[in-house]
């Protein structure tokens, strides 16, 4: 489709309140999003499986093939080791320590996946697409 030719990316947010998956054009225009509220006592494996289902559903609904997705990014609501794509800890739910979240998501979509803390990703997004995007002198200092 037109979206795929322009370049598609997937964004995933995993937080204590639930999961959100978005499909966007490479230029940053949002194509679609779906969210599900967190379930009690979910393991990290169950969260990953749910995110895989959400990604598949979103791509199918928009007619985008997984191979047409250029990159995926996961924002996690807690400390992460972005370099190695691993969760360090989840502040509210046990069992997330050392989970290789980037590679687990990558395996479900077969696309290079980047993991970072959700607040750092939000700041990057604001810098790239927010109020400062057209101001060369804008920085985070």
N, C-alpha and C. Protein backbone atom coordinates (compact mmCIF):
# COMPACT_ATOMS: atom_id res chain seq x y z
N UNK A 1 0.81 -1.19 0.00
CA UNK A 1 0.00 0.00 0.00
C UNK A 1 0.86 1.25 0.00
N UNK A 2 0.21 2.40 0.00
CA UNK A 2 0.90 3.69 0.00
C UNK A 2 1.75 3.84 1.25
N UNK A 3 1.23 3.38 2.39
CA UNK A 3 1.96 3.47 3.64
C UNK A 3 3.27 2.72 3.55
N UNK A 4 3.25 1.52 3.00
CA UNK A 4 4.46 0.70 2.91
C UNK A 4 5.50 1.36 2.02
N UNK A 5 5.06 1.95 0.90
CA UNK A 5 6.02 2.60 0.00
C UNK A 5 6.68 3.78 0.69
N UNK A 6 5.94 4.48 1.55
CA UNK A 6 6.49 5.63 2.25
C UNK A 6 7.42 5.18 3.37
N UNK A 7 7.32 3.94 3.81
CA UNK A 7 8.12 3.42 4.90
C UNK A 7 7.30 3.35 6.17
N UNK A 8 7.15 2.16 6.74
CA UNK A 8 6.36 1.98 7.95
C UNK A 8 7.24 1.63 9.13
N UNK A 9 6.84 2.09 10.28
CA UNK A 9 7.51 1.75 11.53
C UNK A 9 6.45 1.37 12.55
N UNK A 10 6.85 0.56 13.51
CA UNK A 10 5.95 0.15 14.59
C UNK A 10 6.52 0.68 15.90
N UNK A 11 5.64 1.25 16.69
CA UNK A 11 6.00 1.69 18.03
C UNK A 11 5.20 0.91 19.04
N UNK A 12 5.87 0.52 20.13
CA UNK A 12 5.22 -0.29 21.16
C UNK A 12 5.51 0.35 22.51
N UNK A 13 4.47 0.52 23.31
CA UNK A 13 4.64 1.03 24.66
C UNK A 13 4.17 -0.03 25.64
N UNK A 14 5.04 -0.40 26.57
CA UNK A 14 4.69 -1.37 27.60
C UNK A 14 4.86 -0.68 28.94
N UNK A 15 3.73 -0.53 29.64
CA UNK A 15 3.77 0.16 30.93
C UNK A 15 2.89 -0.56 31.93
N UNK A 16 2.86 -0.05 33.14
CA UNK A 16 2.04 -0.69 34.17
C UNK A 16 0.56 -0.62 33.85
N UNK A 17 0.15 0.33 33.00
CA UNK A 17 -1.27 0.47 32.68
C UNK A 17 -1.71 -0.40 31.50
N UNK A 18 -0.74 -0.93 30.73
CA UNK A 18 -1.09 -1.79 29.61
C UNK A 18 -0.12 -1.64 28.46
N UNK A 19 -0.57 -2.08 27.29
CA UNK A 19 0.28 -2.04 26.10
C UNK A 19 -0.42 -1.26 24.99
N UNK A 20 0.38 -0.53 24.23
CA UNK A 20 -0.11 0.19 23.06
C UNK A 20 0.82 -0.13 21.91
N UNK A 21 0.24 -0.38 20.74
CA UNK A 21 1.02 -0.61 19.52
C UNK A 21 0.53 0.39 18.49
N UNK A 22 1.47 1.08 17.85
CA UNK A 22 1.12 2.04 16.81
C UNK A 22 1.84 1.70 15.52
N UNK A 23 1.19 2.02 14.43
CA UNK A 23 1.78 1.91 13.10
C UNK A 23 1.87 3.33 12.57
N UNK A 24 3.06 3.70 12.09
CA UNK A 24 3.27 5.06 11.60
C UNK A 24 4.09 5.03 10.32
N UNK A 25 3.96 6.10 9.56
CA UNK A 25 4.81 6.29 8.40
C UNK A 25 6.19 6.69 8.90
N UNK A 26 7.20 6.46 8.12
CA UNK A 26 8.56 6.80 8.50
C UNK A 26 8.68 8.29 8.83
N UNK A 27 7.89 9.11 8.17
CA UNK A 27 7.92 10.56 8.43
C UNK A 27 7.28 10.92 9.76
N UNK A 28 6.66 9.95 10.43
CA UNK A 28 6.08 10.21 11.74
C UNK A 28 4.58 10.31 11.77
N UNK A 29 3.91 10.28 10.63
CA UNK A 29 2.45 10.37 10.61
C UNK A 29 1.83 9.07 11.13
N UNK A 30 0.96 9.19 12.11
CA UNK A 30 0.31 8.02 12.70
C UNK A 30 -0.71 7.44 11.73
N UNK A 31 -0.62 6.12 11.51
CA UNK A 31 -1.57 5.43 10.65
C UNK A 31 -2.68 4.82 11.50
N UNK A 32 -2.30 4.13 12.58
CA UNK A 32 -3.30 3.48 13.43
C UNK A 32 -2.67 3.10 14.77
N UNK A 33 -3.51 2.88 15.76
CA UNK A 33 -3.03 2.46 17.08
C UNK A 33 -4.07 1.59 17.76
N UNK A 34 -3.58 0.67 18.57
CA UNK A 34 -4.47 -0.12 19.43
C UNK A 34 -3.85 -0.21 20.81
N UNK A 35 -4.70 -0.26 21.82
CA UNK A 35 -4.25 -0.35 23.21
C UNK A 35 -5.06 -1.39 23.95
N UNK A 36 -4.42 -2.03 24.91
CA UNK A 36 -5.11 -2.96 25.80
C UNK A 36 -4.66 -2.68 27.22
N UNK A 37 -5.61 -2.72 28.14
CA UNK A 37 -5.29 -2.49 29.54
C UNK A 37 -4.52 -3.67 30.11
N UNK A 38 -3.67 -3.39 31.07
CA UNK A 38 -2.88 -4.43 31.71
C UNK A 38 -3.79 -5.43 32.41
N UNK A 39 -3.38 -6.68 32.38
CA UNK A 39 -4.09 -7.73 33.10
C UNK A 39 -3.30 -8.06 34.37
N UNK A 40 -4.00 -8.44 35.41
CA UNK A 40 -3.34 -8.78 36.66
C UNK A 40 -2.46 -10.03 36.51
N UNK A 41 -1.33 -10.00 37.16
CA UNK A 41 -0.42 -11.16 37.26
C UNK A 41 0.07 -11.68 35.90
N UNK A 42 0.21 -10.81 34.93
CA UNK A 42 0.76 -11.23 33.64
C UNK A 42 2.26 -11.39 33.73
N UNK A 43 2.77 -12.47 33.18
CA UNK A 43 4.21 -12.66 33.11
C UNK A 43 4.75 -11.87 31.92
N UNK A 44 6.06 -11.69 31.88
CA UNK A 44 6.67 -10.99 30.75
C UNK A 44 6.40 -11.75 29.45
N UNK A 45 6.41 -13.08 29.49
CA UNK A 45 6.12 -13.87 28.29
C UNK A 45 4.70 -13.61 27.79
N UNK A 46 3.75 -13.50 28.70
CA UNK A 46 2.36 -13.24 28.31
C UNK A 46 2.21 -11.85 27.70
N UNK A 47 2.94 -10.87 28.24
CA UNK A 47 2.89 -9.52 27.69
C UNK A 47 3.46 -9.53 26.28
N UNK A 48 4.59 -10.21 26.06
CA UNK A 48 5.20 -10.28 24.74
C UNK A 48 4.26 -10.95 23.75
N UNK A 49 3.62 -12.06 24.16
CA UNK A 49 2.67 -12.74 23.28
C UNK A 49 1.51 -11.84 22.90
N UNK A 50 1.03 -11.07 23.87
CA UNK A 50 -0.08 -10.15 23.61
C UNK A 50 0.35 -9.05 22.64
N UNK A 51 1.56 -8.53 22.81
CA UNK A 51 2.07 -7.50 21.90
C UNK A 51 2.21 -8.07 20.49
N UNK A 52 2.68 -9.31 20.36
CA UNK A 52 2.78 -9.95 19.04
C UNK A 52 1.40 -10.02 18.38
N UNK A 53 0.39 -10.40 19.13
CA UNK A 53 -0.97 -10.48 18.58
C UNK A 53 -1.47 -9.10 18.16
N UNK A 54 -1.19 -8.09 18.98
CA UNK A 54 -1.61 -6.73 18.66
C UNK A 54 -0.92 -6.23 17.40
N UNK A 55 0.38 -6.50 17.25
CA UNK A 55 1.11 -6.09 16.06
C UNK A 55 0.53 -6.75 14.82
N UNK A 56 0.31 -8.05 14.90
CA UNK A 56 -0.24 -8.78 13.75
C UNK A 56 -1.60 -8.24 13.35
N UNK A 57 -2.45 -7.98 14.32
CA UNK A 57 -3.78 -7.46 14.06
C UNK A 57 -3.71 -6.09 13.39
N UNK A 58 -2.85 -5.22 13.89
CA UNK A 58 -2.72 -3.87 13.36
C UNK A 58 -2.22 -3.89 11.90
N UNK A 59 -1.20 -4.70 11.64
CA UNK A 59 -0.68 -4.79 10.28
C UNK A 59 -1.72 -5.36 9.32
N UNK A 60 -2.43 -6.39 9.77
CA UNK A 60 -3.46 -7.01 8.93
C UNK A 60 -4.57 -6.01 8.61
N UNK A 61 -5.03 -5.28 9.63
CA UNK A 61 -6.12 -4.31 9.44
C UNK A 61 -5.73 -3.22 8.44
N UNK A 62 -4.45 -2.86 8.40
CA UNK A 62 -3.99 -1.77 7.53
C UNK A 62 -3.37 -2.28 6.23
N UNK A 63 -3.35 -3.60 6.04
CA UNK A 63 -2.83 -4.17 4.81
C UNK A 63 -1.33 -4.00 4.62
N UNK A 64 -0.60 -3.97 5.73
CA UNK A 64 0.86 -3.84 5.68
C UNK A 64 1.48 -5.18 6.02
N UNK A 65 2.37 -5.67 5.17
CA UNK A 65 3.06 -6.92 5.43
C UNK A 65 4.22 -6.66 6.39
N UNK A 66 4.52 -7.64 7.23
CA UNK A 66 5.60 -7.48 8.22
C UNK A 66 6.91 -7.09 7.55
N UNK A 67 7.18 -7.65 6.37
CA UNK A 67 8.44 -7.34 5.69
C UNK A 67 8.52 -5.89 5.22
N UNK A 68 7.37 -5.19 5.20
CA UNK A 68 7.33 -3.79 4.80
C UNK A 68 7.61 -2.84 5.96
N UNK A 69 7.71 -3.39 7.17
CA UNK A 69 8.02 -2.57 8.34
C UNK A 69 9.54 -2.44 8.43
N UNK A 70 10.01 -1.21 8.47
CA UNK A 70 11.45 -0.95 8.45
C UNK A 70 12.11 -1.13 9.81
N UNK A 71 11.45 -0.67 10.87
CA UNK A 71 12.00 -0.76 12.22
C UNK A 71 10.85 -0.79 13.23
N UNK A 72 11.17 -1.25 14.42
CA UNK A 72 10.24 -1.18 15.54
C UNK A 72 10.98 -0.60 16.74
N UNK A 73 10.25 0.09 17.58
CA UNK A 73 10.82 0.64 18.81
C UNK A 73 9.88 0.30 19.96
N UNK A 74 10.47 -0.10 21.07
CA UNK A 74 9.71 -0.45 22.27
C UNK A 74 10.08 0.52 23.38
N UNK A 75 9.07 1.18 23.92
CA UNK A 75 9.26 2.01 25.10
C UNK A 75 8.79 1.22 26.30
N UNK A 76 9.66 1.09 27.30
CA UNK A 76 9.33 0.30 28.49
C UNK A 76 9.30 1.23 29.71
N UNK A 77 8.29 1.07 30.53
CA UNK A 77 8.11 1.91 31.71
C UNK A 77 8.97 1.48 32.88
N UNK A 78 10.26 1.52 32.72
CA UNK A 78 11.20 1.16 33.78
C UNK A 78 12.62 1.19 33.24
N UNK A 79 13.59 0.94 34.10
CA UNK A 79 14.99 0.97 33.67
C UNK A 79 15.32 -0.15 32.69
N UNK A 80 16.06 0.22 31.63
CA UNK A 80 16.45 -0.74 30.60
C UNK A 80 17.93 -0.58 30.28
N UNK A 81 18.49 -1.62 29.69
CA UNK A 81 19.81 -1.57 29.09
C UNK A 81 19.56 -1.49 27.59
N UNK A 82 19.50 -0.25 27.07
CA UNK A 82 19.13 -0.04 25.66
C UNK A 82 20.17 -0.66 24.72
N UNK A 83 21.42 -0.60 25.10
CA UNK A 83 22.48 -1.12 24.24
C UNK A 83 22.29 -2.61 23.97
N UNK A 84 21.87 -3.35 24.99
CA UNK A 84 21.70 -4.80 24.86
C UNK A 84 20.24 -5.22 24.70
N UNK A 85 19.31 -4.25 24.68
CA UNK A 85 17.90 -4.56 24.46
C UNK A 85 17.24 -5.33 25.58
N UNK A 86 17.72 -5.10 26.83
CA UNK A 86 17.19 -5.86 27.96
C UNK A 86 16.56 -4.96 29.01
N UNK A 87 15.53 -5.49 29.65
CA UNK A 87 14.90 -4.81 30.77
C UNK A 87 15.76 -5.05 32.01
N UNK A 88 15.99 -4.00 32.78
CA UNK A 88 16.73 -4.16 34.03
C UNK A 88 15.78 -4.53 35.17
N UNK A 89 14.65 -3.84 35.23
CA UNK A 89 13.65 -4.16 36.25
C UNK A 89 12.33 -3.48 35.89
N UNK A 90 11.27 -3.97 36.47
CA UNK A 90 9.95 -3.35 36.37
C UNK A 90 9.62 -2.92 37.78
N UNK A 91 9.25 -1.66 37.96
CA UNK A 91 9.03 -1.14 39.31
C UNK A 91 7.87 -1.80 40.05
N UNK A 92 6.90 -2.32 39.30
CA UNK A 92 5.68 -2.82 39.94
C UNK A 92 5.42 -4.31 39.77
N UNK A 93 6.09 -4.94 38.80
CA UNK A 93 5.80 -6.34 38.50
C UNK A 93 7.10 -7.14 38.52
N UNK A 94 7.17 -8.19 39.33
CA UNK A 94 8.39 -9.02 39.34
C UNK A 94 8.50 -9.88 38.08
N UNK A 95 9.71 -10.37 37.81
CA UNK A 95 9.93 -11.30 36.72
C UNK A 95 10.41 -10.68 35.43
N UNK A 96 10.65 -9.37 35.42
CA UNK A 96 11.11 -8.70 34.21
C UNK A 96 12.64 -8.54 34.18
N UNK A 97 13.31 -8.83 35.26
CA UNK A 97 14.75 -8.60 35.34
C UNK A 97 15.50 -9.40 34.28
N UNK A 98 16.25 -8.69 33.42
CA UNK A 98 17.07 -9.34 32.42
C UNK A 98 16.32 -9.85 31.20
N UNK A 99 15.04 -9.55 31.07
CA UNK A 99 14.27 -10.03 29.92
C UNK A 99 14.79 -9.35 28.65
N UNK A 100 15.19 -10.14 27.63
CA UNK A 100 15.70 -9.57 26.38
C UNK A 100 14.55 -9.09 25.49
N UNK A 101 13.89 -8.04 25.92
CA UNK A 101 12.64 -7.60 25.31
C UNK A 101 12.78 -7.24 23.83
N UNK A 102 13.86 -6.56 23.46
CA UNK A 102 14.02 -6.17 22.05
C UNK A 102 14.05 -7.40 21.15
N UNK A 103 14.82 -8.41 21.52
CA UNK A 103 14.91 -9.60 20.66
C UNK A 103 13.62 -10.41 20.68
N UNK A 104 12.91 -10.42 21.79
CA UNK A 104 11.63 -11.14 21.84
C UNK A 104 10.60 -10.50 20.92
N UNK A 105 10.54 -9.17 20.92
CA UNK A 105 9.63 -8.47 20.01
C UNK A 105 10.10 -8.66 18.57
N UNK A 106 11.41 -8.56 18.36
CA UNK A 106 11.99 -8.73 17.03
C UNK A 106 11.64 -10.09 16.44
N UNK A 107 11.66 -11.12 17.26
CA UNK A 107 11.35 -12.47 16.78
C UNK A 107 9.90 -12.58 16.29
N UNK A 108 9.00 -11.80 16.89
CA UNK A 108 7.60 -11.87 16.49
C UNK A 108 7.31 -11.09 15.22
N UNK A 109 8.12 -10.09 14.91
CA UNK A 109 7.88 -9.24 13.75
C UNK A 109 8.94 -9.43 12.67
N UNK A 110 10.07 -10.01 13.06
CA UNK A 110 11.20 -10.21 12.16
C UNK A 110 11.67 -8.89 11.57
N UNK A 111 11.82 -7.89 12.46
CA UNK A 111 12.33 -6.59 12.05
C UNK A 111 13.21 -6.06 13.18
N UNK A 112 14.26 -5.36 12.81
CA UNK A 112 15.17 -4.80 13.79
C UNK A 112 14.38 -3.97 14.80
N UNK A 113 14.59 -4.25 16.09
CA UNK A 113 13.80 -3.62 17.15
C UNK A 113 14.71 -2.95 18.15
N UNK A 114 14.37 -1.74 18.51
CA UNK A 114 15.12 -0.91 19.44
C UNK A 114 14.33 -0.79 20.73
N UNK A 115 14.99 -0.92 21.87
CA UNK A 115 14.36 -0.79 23.19
C UNK A 115 14.97 0.38 23.93
N UNK A 116 14.11 1.17 24.57
CA UNK A 116 14.60 2.22 25.47
C UNK A 116 13.53 2.50 26.50
N UNK A 117 13.89 3.29 27.48
CA UNK A 117 12.94 3.72 28.49
C UNK A 117 11.90 4.61 27.83
N UNK A 118 10.64 4.48 28.26
CA UNK A 118 9.57 5.23 27.61
C UNK A 118 9.74 6.74 27.70
N UNK A 119 10.27 7.24 28.81
CA UNK A 119 10.46 8.69 28.95
C UNK A 119 11.53 9.21 27.99
N UNK A 120 12.61 8.44 27.82
CA UNK A 120 13.65 8.86 26.87
C UNK A 120 13.12 8.86 25.44
N UNK A 121 12.31 7.85 25.10
CA UNK A 121 11.73 7.81 23.75
C UNK A 121 10.75 8.96 23.54
N UNK A 122 9.98 9.30 24.57
CA UNK A 122 9.05 10.42 24.45
C UNK A 122 9.82 11.72 24.21
N UNK A 123 10.94 11.90 24.89
CA UNK A 123 11.76 13.10 24.69
C UNK A 123 12.32 13.14 23.27
N UNK A 124 12.79 11.99 22.77
CA UNK A 124 13.29 11.94 21.39
C UNK A 124 12.19 12.30 20.39
N UNK A 125 11.01 11.75 20.61
CA UNK A 125 9.89 12.04 19.72
C UNK A 125 9.54 13.52 19.73
N UNK A 126 9.56 14.13 20.91
CA UNK A 126 9.27 15.56 21.00
C UNK A 126 10.32 16.38 20.26
N UNK A 127 11.56 15.95 20.33
CA UNK A 127 12.63 16.65 19.63
C UNK A 127 12.52 16.51 18.12
N UNK A 128 12.14 15.30 17.67
CA UNK A 128 12.06 15.06 16.22
C UNK A 128 10.79 15.62 15.60
N UNK A 129 9.66 15.48 16.31
CA UNK A 129 8.37 15.81 15.71
C UNK A 129 7.59 16.88 16.47
N UNK A 130 8.08 17.32 17.62
CA UNK A 130 7.36 18.27 18.47
C UNK A 130 7.64 19.71 18.13
N UNK A 131 7.42 20.59 19.10
CA UNK A 131 7.52 22.03 18.87
C UNK A 131 8.89 22.51 18.39
N UNK A 132 9.95 21.82 18.75
CA UNK A 132 11.28 22.27 18.37
C UNK A 132 11.79 21.75 17.04
N UNK A 133 10.97 20.99 16.32
CA UNK A 133 11.44 20.31 15.11
C UNK A 133 11.92 21.26 14.02
N UNK A 134 11.36 22.47 13.98
CA UNK A 134 11.74 23.41 12.92
C UNK A 134 12.70 24.49 13.43
N UNK A 135 13.21 24.29 14.65
CA UNK A 135 14.10 25.28 15.24
C UNK A 135 15.50 24.68 15.38
N UNK A 136 16.42 25.04 14.47
CA UNK A 136 17.77 24.45 14.51
C UNK A 136 18.48 24.63 15.85
N UNK A 137 18.18 25.72 16.56
CA UNK A 137 18.87 25.98 17.83
C UNK A 137 18.27 25.21 19.00
N UNK A 138 17.13 24.50 18.77
CA UNK A 138 16.47 23.77 19.85
C UNK A 138 17.33 22.57 20.28
N UNK A 139 17.57 22.45 21.57
CA UNK A 139 18.26 21.28 22.10
C UNK A 139 17.63 20.91 23.43
N UNK A 140 18.13 19.84 24.02
CA UNK A 140 17.52 19.37 25.26
C UNK A 140 18.16 19.97 26.50
N UNK A 141 19.15 20.83 26.30
CA UNK A 141 19.76 21.50 27.45
C UNK A 141 18.81 22.54 28.00
